[in-house]
Amino acid sequence: MDSYRYLDFATRQIIRAWVEREPTRPSPWTPLPRPLERCTVALVSTAGVARRDDVPFDEERERENPWWGDPTVRRIPRETTGREVEIHHLHIERRFAREDLDVVLPLRRLDELVASGTVGASAPTHYSLMGYILDPTELIRDTTPRLVAAMKAEGVEAVVLVPA
């Protein structure tokens, strides 16, 4: 994975220095409302997964302006297969995700956990975002509240974040 693939040398140095100076923050944690075996679980991937019949993530704009990352979200229905999606992420090795969608969006593994009784249910919809967003303002202000509202509307009680 080359997170700096489309950055010129000077920008790459600035970003590396910026990342090194970022303070470590505690992760927000909310206890589950009930045991996991009774919860509905959604997956949120940062691999830029989009169904082929949906709008792709904007890779071209990111190539033109490496400081920008697409802050939108894609809905992935539970039954989606690897043949029905494409990976739109400039900073990961896409080949592995194309060979096995579960690498970046483990829908089949979640189904196995539901079948074994470890997890109560798989949400009807799962989600994907871009994992390379240097300015998260729009993502935090606009995208995330809509994403949370959509999950709440479907009764999601736990989320598994799948980093790319």
C-alpha atoms as a PDB file:
ATOM      1  CA  MET A   1       0.000   0.000   0.000  1.00  0.00           C
ATOM      2  CA  ASP A   2       1.380   3.374  -0.938  1.00  0.00           C
ATOM      3  CA  SER A   3      -0.671   6.089   0.753  1.00  0.00           C
ATOM      4  CA  TYR A   4       1.560   8.704  -0.840  1.00  0.00           C
ATOM      5  CA  ARG A   5       1.361   7.383  -4.431  1.00  0.00           C
ATOM      6  CA  TYR A   6      -0.071  10.533  -6.024  1.00  0.00           C
ATOM      7  CA  LEU A   7       1.786  13.092  -3.917  1.00  0.00           C
ATOM      8  CA  ASP A   8       4.827  15.005  -5.077  1.00  0.00           C
ATOM      9  CA  PHE A   9       7.964  14.825  -2.916  1.00  0.00           C
ATOM     10  CA  ALA A  10       7.352  18.052  -0.964  1.00  0.00           C
ATOM     11  CA  THR A  11       3.708  17.223  -0.241  1.00  0.00           C
ATOM     12  CA  ARG A  12       4.677  13.691   0.815  1.00  0.00           C
ATOM     13  CA  GLN A  13       7.136  15.121   3.359  1.00  0.00           C
ATOM     14  CA  ILE A  14       4.561  17.582   4.709  1.00  0.00           C
ATOM     15  CA  ILE A  15       1.930  14.837   5.125  1.00  0.00           C
ATOM     16  CA  ARG A  16       4.373  12.479   6.868  1.00  0.00           C
ATOM     17  CA  ALA A  17       5.403  15.245   9.302  1.00  0.00           C
ATOM     18  CA  TRP A  18       1.748  16.123   9.907  1.00  0.00           C
ATOM     19  CA  VAL A  19       0.808  12.501  10.635  1.00  0.00           C
ATOM     20  CA  GLU A  20       3.726  12.099  13.048  1.00  0.00           C
ATOM     21  CA  ARG A  21       2.638  15.183  15.021  1.00  0.00           C
ATOM     22  CA  GLU A  22      -1.028  14.162  15.331  1.00  0.00           C
ATOM     23  CA  PRO A  23      -1.825  13.376  18.955  1.00  0.00           C
ATOM     24  CA  THR A  24      -3.133   9.968  19.877  1.00  0.00           C
ATOM     25  CA  ARG A  25      -6.807  10.208  20.770  1.00  0.00           C
ATOM     26  CA  PRO A  26      -8.940   7.753  22.677  1.00  0.00           C
ATOM     27  CA  SER A  27     -11.381   5.739  20.605  1.00  0.00           C
ATOM     28  CA  PRO A  28     -15.022   6.428  21.358  1.00  0.00           C
ATOM     29  CA  TRP A  29     -16.647   3.376  22.859  1.00  0.00           C
ATOM     30  CA  THR A  30     -20.265   2.647  23.573  1.00  0.00           C
ATOM     31  CA  PRO A  31     -21.210  -0.588  25.329  1.00  0.00           C
ATOM     32  CA  LEU A  32     -23.549  -2.859  23.385  1.00  0.00           C
ATOM     33  CA  PRO A  33     -27.219  -2.523  24.348  1.00  0.00           C
ATOM     34  CA  ARG A  34     -27.561  -6.328  24.535  1.00  0.00           C
ATOM     35  CA  PRO A  35     -25.336  -9.377  23.999  1.00  0.00           C
ATOM     36  CA  LEU A  36     -23.724  -9.571  20.549  1.00  0.00           C
ATOM     37  CA  GLU A  37     -25.666 -12.724  19.731  1.00  0.00           C
ATOM     38  CA  ARG A  38     -28.825 -10.575  19.832  1.00  0.00           C
ATOM     39  CA  CYS A  39     -27.436  -7.497  18.010  1.00  0.00           C
ATOM     40  CA  THR A  40     -27.768  -6.379  14.395  1.00  0.00           C
ATOM     41  CA  VAL A  41     -24.316  -5.626  12.983  1.00  0.00           C
ATOM     42  CA  ALA A  42     -23.314  -3.406  10.041  1.00  0.00           C
ATOM     43  CA  LEU A  43     -19.945  -3.254   8.308  1.00  0.00           C
ATOM     44  CA  VAL A  44     -18.287   0.042   7.363  1.00  0.00           C
ATOM     45  CA  SER A  45     -15.322  -0.333   5.015  1.00  0.00           C
ATOM     46  CA  THR A  46     -12.832   2.388   4.094  1.00  0.00           C
ATOM     47  CA  ALA A  47     -11.805   0.651   0.853  1.00  0.00           C
ATOM     48  CA  GLY A  48     -13.902   2.706  -1.565  1.00  0.00           C
ATOM     49  CA  VAL A  49     -16.221  -0.202  -2.433  1.00  0.00           C
ATOM     50  CA  ALA A  50     -19.086   0.729  -4.753  1.00  0.00           C
ATOM     51  CA  ARG A  51     -21.622  -1.411  -6.559  1.00  0.00           C
ATOM     52  CA  ARG A  52     -21.144  -1.368 -10.319  1.00  0.00           C
ATOM     53  CA  ASP A  53     -24.680   0.049 -10.665  1.00  0.00           C
ATOM     54  CA  ASP A  54     -23.863   2.940  -8.303  1.00  0.00           C
ATOM     55  CA  VAL A  55     -21.804   6.112  -8.714  1.00  0.00           C
ATOM     56  CA  PRO A  56     -18.076   5.347  -8.326  1.00  0.00           C
ATOM     57  CA  PHE A  57     -15.927   7.234  -5.840  1.00  0.00           C
ATOM     58  CA  ASP A  58     -14.212  10.215  -7.506  1.00  0.00           C
ATOM     59  CA  GLU A  59     -10.673   8.997  -8.153  1.00  0.00           C
ATOM     60  CA  GLU A  60     -10.044  11.506 -10.936  1.00  0.00           C
ATOM     61  CA  ARG A  61     -10.545  14.518  -8.694  1.00  0.00           C
ATOM     62  CA  GLU A  62      -8.198  12.972  -6.146  1.00  0.00           C
ATOM     63  CA  ARG A  63      -5.549  12.408  -8.832  1.00  0.00           C
ATOM     64  CA  GLU A  64      -5.847  16.067  -9.794  1.00  0.00           C
ATOM     65  CA  ASN A  65      -5.795  17.248  -6.164  1.00  0.00           C
ATOM     66  CA  PRO A  66      -4.122  14.737  -3.812  1.00  0.00           C
ATOM     67  CA  TRP A  67      -5.174  16.862  -0.819  1.00  0.00           C
ATOM     68  CA  TRP A  68      -8.819  15.977  -1.533  1.00  0.00           C
ATOM     69  CA  GLY A  69     -10.594  12.713  -0.777  1.00  0.00           C
ATOM     70  CA  ASP A  70     -14.157  11.801  -1.729  1.00  0.00           C
ATOM     71  CA  PRO A  71     -16.215  12.264   1.492  1.00  0.00           C
ATOM     72  CA  THR A  72     -19.311  10.425   0.238  1.00  0.00           C
ATOM     73  CA  VAL A  73     -20.632   7.019   1.255  1.00  0.00           C
ATOM     74  CA  ARG A  74     -21.879   4.032  -0.748  1.00  0.00           C
ATOM     75  CA  ARG A  75     -24.622   1.680   0.406  1.00  0.00           C
ATOM     76  CA  ILE A  76     -23.880  -2.008  -0.085  1.00  0.00           C
ATOM     77  CA  PRO A  77     -26.869  -4.354   0.312  1.00  0.00           C
ATOM     78  CA  ARG A  78     -26.216  -7.468   2.424  1.00  0.00           C
ATOM     79  CA  GLU A  79     -26.579  -9.854  -0.559  1.00  0.00           C
ATOM     80  CA  THR A  80     -23.937  -8.085  -2.683  1.00  0.00           C
ATOM     81  CA  THR A  81     -21.240 -10.290  -4.187  1.00  0.00           C
ATOM     82  CA  GLY A  82     -17.716  -9.490  -5.293  1.00  0.00           C
ATOM     83  CA  ARG A  83     -18.776  -9.570  -8.961  1.00  0.00           C
ATOM     84  CA  GLU A  84     -21.215  -6.716  -8.313  1.00  0.00           C
ATOM     85  CA  VAL A  85     -18.690  -4.214  -6.941  1.00  0.00           C
ATOM     86  CA  GLU A  86     -15.597  -2.293  -7.907  1.00  0.00           C
ATOM     87  CA  ILE A  87     -12.892  -0.870  -5.664  1.00  0.00           C
ATOM     88  CA  HIS A  88     -12.244   2.863  -6.159  1.00  0.00           C
ATOM     89  CA  HIS A  89      -9.302   3.585  -3.885  1.00  0.00           C
ATOM     90  CA  LEU A  90      -5.980   4.947  -5.068  1.00  0.00           C
ATOM     91  CA  HIS A  91      -4.044   4.058  -1.930  1.00  0.00           C
ATOM     92  CA  ILE A  92      -4.574   0.328  -1.523  1.00  0.00           C
ATOM     93  CA  GLU A  93      -3.663  -2.753  -3.537  1.00  0.00           C
ATOM     94  CA  ARG A  94      -7.028  -3.432  -5.144  1.00  0.00           C
ATOM     95  CA  ARG A  95      -6.128  -6.839  -6.546  1.00  0.00           C
ATOM     96  CA  PHE A  96      -6.750  -8.627  -3.240  1.00  0.00           C
ATOM     97  CA  ALA A  97     -10.159  -7.042  -2.762  1.00  0.00           C
ATOM     98  CA  ARG A  98     -11.112  -7.904  -6.325  1.00  0.00           C
ATOM     99  CA  GLU A  99     -10.131 -11.529  -5.722  1.00  0.00           C
ATOM    100  CA  ASP A 100     -12.040 -11.725  -2.428  1.00  0.00           C
ATOM    101  CA  LEU A 101     -14.436  -8.973  -1.344  1.00  0.00           C
ATOM    102  CA  ASP A 102     -14.267 -10.264   2.238  1.00  0.00           C
ATOM    103  CA  VAL A 103     -10.754  -8.776   2.457  1.00  0.00           C
ATOM    104  CA  VAL A 104     -12.271  -5.280   2.569  1.00  0.00           C
ATOM    105  CA  LEU A 105     -15.968  -5.939   3.252  1.00  0.00           C
ATOM    106  CA  PRO A 106     -16.399  -9.286   5.041  1.00  0.00           C
ATOM    107  CA  LEU A 107     -20.069  -9.887   4.227  1.00  0.00           C
ATOM    108  CA  ARG A 108     -19.677 -13.690   3.944  1.00  0.00           C
ATOM    109  CA  ARG A 109     -17.692 -13.881   7.209  1.00  0.00           C
ATOM    110  CA  LEU A 110     -20.441 -11.892   8.935  1.00  0.00           C
ATOM    111  CA  ASP A 111     -23.017 -14.316   7.498  1.00  0.00           C
ATOM    112  CA  GLU A 112     -21.009 -17.172   9.038  1.00  0.00           C
ATOM    113  CA  LEU A 113     -21.053 -15.460  12.444  1.00  0.00           C
ATOM    114  CA  VAL A 114     -24.819 -15.011  12.168  1.00  0.00           C
ATOM    115  CA  ALA A 115     -25.262 -18.689  11.170  1.00  0.00           C
ATOM    116  CA  SER A 116     -23.170 -19.832  14.148  1.00  0.00           C
ATOM    117  CA  GLY A 117     -25.190 -17.679  16.566  1.00  0.00           C
ATOM    118  CA  THR A 118     -22.210 -15.472  17.499  1.00  0.00           C
ATOM    119  CA  VAL A 119     -23.949 -12.412  15.986  1.00  0.00           C
ATOM    120  CA  GLY A 120     -27.701 -11.839  16.006  1.00  0.00           C
ATOM    121  CA  ALA A 121     -28.197 -10.477  12.493  1.00  0.00           C
ATOM    122  CA  SER A 122     -26.428  -8.858   9.579  1.00  0.00           C
ATOM    123  CA  ALA A 123     -27.833  -5.427   8.759  1.00  0.00           C
ATOM    124  CA  PRO A 124     -29.743  -5.133   5.479  1.00  0.00           C
ATOM    125  CA  THR A 125     -27.244  -2.497   4.327  1.00  0.00           C
ATOM    126  CA  HIS A 126     -23.501  -2.093   4.812  1.00  0.00           C
ATOM    127  CA  TYR A 127     -21.410   0.920   3.842  1.00  0.00           C
ATOM    128  CA  SER A 128     -18.156   1.986   2.260  1.00  0.00           C
ATOM    129  CA  LEU A 129     -16.204   5.231   2.395  1.00  0.00           C
ATOM    130  CA  MET A 130     -12.813   6.393   1.204  1.00  0.00           C
ATOM    131  CA  GLY A 131     -10.099   5.839   3.756  1.00  0.00           C
ATOM    132  CA  TYR A 132      -7.875   8.629   2.490  1.00  0.00           C
ATOM    133  CA  ILE A 133      -9.408  11.956   3.430  1.00  0.00           C
ATOM    134  CA  LEU A 134      -6.934  14.557   4.624  1.00  0.00           C
ATOM    135  CA  ASP A 135      -9.589  17.133   5.454  1.00  0.00           C
ATOM    136  CA  PRO A 136     -12.417  15.287   7.245  1.00  0.00           C
ATOM    137  CA  THR A 137     -14.603  18.393   7.740  1.00  0.00           C
ATOM    138  CA  GLU A 138     -17.345  17.396   5.270  1.00  0.00           C
ATOM    139  CA  LEU A 139     -17.095  13.732   6.269  1.00  0.00           C
ATOM    140  CA  ILE A 140     -17.670  14.589   9.930  1.00  0.00           C
ATOM    141  CA  ARG A 141     -20.194  17.389   9.390  1.00  0.00           C
ATOM    142  CA  ASP A 142     -22.365  15.870   6.643  1.00  0.00           C
ATOM    143  CA  THR A 143     -21.592  12.256   5.734  1.00  0.00           C
ATOM    144  CA  THR A 144     -21.266  10.724   9.190  1.00  0.00           C
ATOM    145  CA  PRO A 145     -24.572  12.003  10.621  1.00  0.00           C
ATOM    146  CA  ARG A 146     -26.413  10.681   7.543  1.00  0.00           C
ATOM    147  CA  LEU A 147     -24.598   7.362   7.834  1.00  0.00           C
ATOM    148  CA  VAL A 148     -25.475   7.036  11.528  1.00  0.00           C
ATOM    149  CA  ALA A 149     -29.115   7.955  10.862  1.00  0.00           C
ATOM    150  CA  ALA A 150     -29.364   5.322   8.109  1.00  0.00           C
ATOM    151  CA  MET A 151     -27.939   2.642  10.395  1.00  0.00           C
ATOM    152  CA  LYS A 152     -30.242   3.608  13.262  1.00  0.00           C
ATOM    153  CA  ALA A 153     -33.240   3.451  10.894  1.00  0.00           C
ATOM    154  CA  GLU A 154     -32.287  -0.154  10.082  1.00  0.00           C
ATOM    155  CA  GLY A 155     -31.891  -1.104  13.744  1.00  0.00           C
ATOM    156  CA  VAL A 156     -28.105  -1.433  13.695  1.00  0.00           C
ATOM    157  CA  GLU A 157     -26.734  -1.848  17.210  1.00  0.00           C
ATOM    158  CA  ALA A 158     -23.059  -2.589  16.478  1.00  0.00           C
ATOM    159  CA  VAL A 159     -20.680  -1.533  13.731  1.00  0.00           C
ATOM    160  CA  VAL A 160     -17.522  -3.262  12.577  1.00  0.00           C
ATOM    161  CA  LEU A 161     -15.080  -0.795  11.030  1.00  0.00           C
ATOM    162  CA  VAL A 162     -13.032  -2.460   8.293  1.00  0.00           C
ATOM    163  CA  PRO A 163      -9.954  -0.327   7.560  1.00  0.00           C
ATOM    164  CA  ALA A 164      -8.376  -0.530   4.135  1.00  0.00           C
END
